[in-house]
């Protein structure tokens, strides 16, 4: 299982290596909310940038 820090780093890598449209398209594939934390973290990190 990933630690919080590893999940946070993963979210940062997603932002650094994908366009906003690509990230949104990936997140929109999940209809059960399993990636909700990651989606919210991406939004949070984008707001901080």
N, C-alpha and C. Protein backbone atom coordinates (compact mmCIF):
# COMPACT_ATOMS: atom_id res chain seq x y z
N UNK A 1 0.85 -1.18 0.00
CA UNK A 1 0.00 0.00 0.00
C UNK A 1 0.89 1.25 0.00
N UNK A 2 0.49 2.23 -0.75
CA UNK A 2 1.27 3.47 -0.85
C UNK A 2 1.06 4.34 0.38
N UNK A 3 2.11 5.03 0.76
CA UNK A 3 2.01 5.99 1.86
C UNK A 3 1.39 7.28 1.33
N UNK A 4 1.00 8.13 2.25
CA UNK A 4 0.44 9.42 1.85
C UNK A 4 1.44 10.20 1.02
N UNK A 5 2.71 10.17 1.43
CA UNK A 5 3.74 10.91 0.70
C UNK A 5 3.91 10.36 -0.72
N UNK A 6 3.84 9.04 -0.87
CA UNK A 6 3.96 8.44 -2.20
C UNK A 6 2.76 8.83 -3.07
N UNK A 7 1.58 8.86 -2.49
CA UNK A 7 0.40 9.27 -3.24
C UNK A 7 0.49 10.74 -3.64
N UNK A 8 1.01 11.56 -2.74
CA UNK A 8 1.17 12.97 -3.05
C UNK A 8 2.18 13.16 -4.18
N UNK A 9 3.28 12.41 -4.15
CA UNK A 9 4.28 12.49 -5.21
C UNK A 9 3.68 12.04 -6.54
N UNK A 10 2.87 10.99 -6.51
CA UNK A 10 2.21 10.51 -7.71
C UNK A 10 1.31 11.59 -8.30
N UNK A 11 0.56 12.27 -7.45
CA UNK A 11 -0.30 13.35 -7.94
C UNK A 11 0.52 14.46 -8.58
N UNK A 12 1.66 14.79 -7.99
CA UNK A 12 2.53 15.82 -8.56
C UNK A 12 3.09 15.37 -9.90
N UNK A 13 3.45 14.10 -10.02
CA UNK A 13 3.98 13.59 -11.29
C UNK A 13 2.91 13.62 -12.37
N UNK A 14 1.67 13.35 -12.00
CA UNK A 14 0.58 13.41 -12.98
C UNK A 14 0.48 14.83 -13.54
N UNK A 15 0.53 15.81 -12.67
CA UNK A 15 0.44 17.20 -13.11
C UNK A 15 1.62 17.57 -14.00
N UNK A 16 2.81 17.14 -13.59
CA UNK A 16 4.02 17.51 -14.34
C UNK A 16 4.10 16.86 -15.71
N UNK A 17 3.46 15.72 -15.90
CA UNK A 17 3.67 14.94 -17.11
C UNK A 17 2.44 14.79 -18.00
N UNK A 18 1.37 15.46 -17.68
CA UNK A 18 0.18 15.41 -18.52
C UNK A 18 -0.42 16.80 -18.67
N UNK A 19 -1.15 16.97 -19.75
CA UNK A 19 -1.88 18.22 -19.91
C UNK A 19 -3.12 18.18 -19.03
N UNK A 20 -3.71 19.31 -18.70
CA UNK A 20 -4.94 19.30 -17.92
C UNK A 20 -6.05 18.47 -18.58
N UNK A 21 -6.15 18.55 -19.90
CA UNK A 21 -7.18 17.77 -20.60
C UNK A 21 -6.94 16.28 -20.47
N UNK A 22 -5.68 15.84 -20.58
CA UNK A 22 -5.36 14.42 -20.44
C UNK A 22 -5.68 13.93 -19.03
N UNK A 23 -5.32 14.71 -18.03
CA UNK A 23 -5.60 14.32 -16.65
C UNK A 23 -7.10 14.23 -16.41
N UNK A 24 -7.85 15.17 -16.92
CA UNK A 24 -9.30 15.16 -16.72
C UNK A 24 -9.93 13.98 -17.44
N UNK A 25 -9.47 13.68 -18.64
CA UNK A 25 -10.00 12.54 -19.38
C UNK A 25 -9.77 11.24 -18.62
N UNK A 26 -8.59 11.07 -18.04
CA UNK A 26 -8.29 9.88 -17.25
C UNK A 26 -9.20 9.79 -16.04
N UNK A 27 -9.35 10.89 -15.33
CA UNK A 27 -10.17 10.88 -14.12
C UNK A 27 -11.65 10.66 -14.44
N UNK A 28 -12.10 11.14 -15.59
CA UNK A 28 -13.50 10.97 -15.96
C UNK A 28 -13.85 9.52 -16.27
N UNK A 29 -12.85 8.66 -16.48
CA UNK A 29 -13.12 7.25 -16.75
C UNK A 29 -13.62 6.52 -15.50
N UNK A 30 -13.40 7.08 -14.34
CA UNK A 30 -13.76 6.42 -13.08
C UNK A 30 -15.13 6.90 -12.62
N UNK A 31 -16.11 6.03 -12.73
CA UNK A 31 -17.47 6.40 -12.35
C UNK A 31 -17.80 6.02 -10.92
N UNK A 32 -16.92 5.29 -10.25
CA UNK A 32 -17.22 4.84 -8.89
C UNK A 32 -16.51 5.66 -7.82
N UNK A 33 -15.79 6.67 -8.23
CA UNK A 33 -15.17 7.56 -7.27
C UNK A 33 -13.89 7.05 -6.64
N UNK A 34 -13.31 5.98 -7.18
CA UNK A 34 -12.10 5.42 -6.58
C UNK A 34 -10.91 6.37 -6.69
N UNK A 35 -10.93 7.25 -7.67
CA UNK A 35 -9.82 8.19 -7.84
C UNK A 35 -10.16 9.58 -7.32
N UNK A 36 -11.18 9.67 -6.53
CA UNK A 36 -11.63 10.98 -6.04
C UNK A 36 -10.53 11.71 -5.27
N UNK A 37 -9.81 10.99 -4.41
CA UNK A 37 -8.74 11.65 -3.66
C UNK A 37 -7.71 12.23 -4.60
N UNK A 38 -7.29 11.43 -5.60
CA UNK A 38 -6.28 11.89 -6.55
C UNK A 38 -6.78 13.10 -7.32
N UNK A 39 -8.04 13.05 -7.75
CA UNK A 39 -8.61 14.17 -8.49
C UNK A 39 -8.61 15.44 -7.63
N UNK A 40 -9.02 15.31 -6.39
CA UNK A 40 -9.04 16.47 -5.50
C UNK A 40 -7.64 16.98 -5.22
N UNK A 41 -6.67 16.06 -5.11
CA UNK A 41 -5.29 16.47 -4.86
C UNK A 41 -4.74 17.22 -6.07
N UNK A 42 -5.05 16.75 -7.26
CA UNK A 42 -4.60 17.43 -8.47
C UNK A 42 -5.17 18.84 -8.51
N UNK A 43 -6.44 18.97 -8.22
CA UNK A 43 -7.08 20.29 -8.20
C UNK A 43 -6.40 21.19 -7.17
N UNK A 44 -6.11 20.63 -6.00
CA UNK A 44 -5.45 21.38 -4.94
C UNK A 44 -4.06 21.84 -5.36
N UNK A 45 -3.28 20.93 -5.96
CA UNK A 45 -1.93 21.28 -6.38
C UNK A 45 -1.95 22.30 -7.51
N UNK A 46 -2.91 22.18 -8.42
CA UNK A 46 -3.03 23.16 -9.50
C UNK A 46 -3.35 24.53 -8.94
N UNK A 47 -4.19 24.58 -7.92
CA UNK A 47 -4.56 25.85 -7.32
C UNK A 47 -3.35 26.50 -6.63
N UNK A 48 -2.45 25.67 -6.10
CA UNK A 48 -1.26 26.19 -5.43
C UNK A 48 -0.21 26.67 -6.42
N UNK A 49 -0.24 26.13 -7.64
CA UNK A 49 0.79 26.45 -8.64
C UNK A 49 0.64 27.87 -9.16
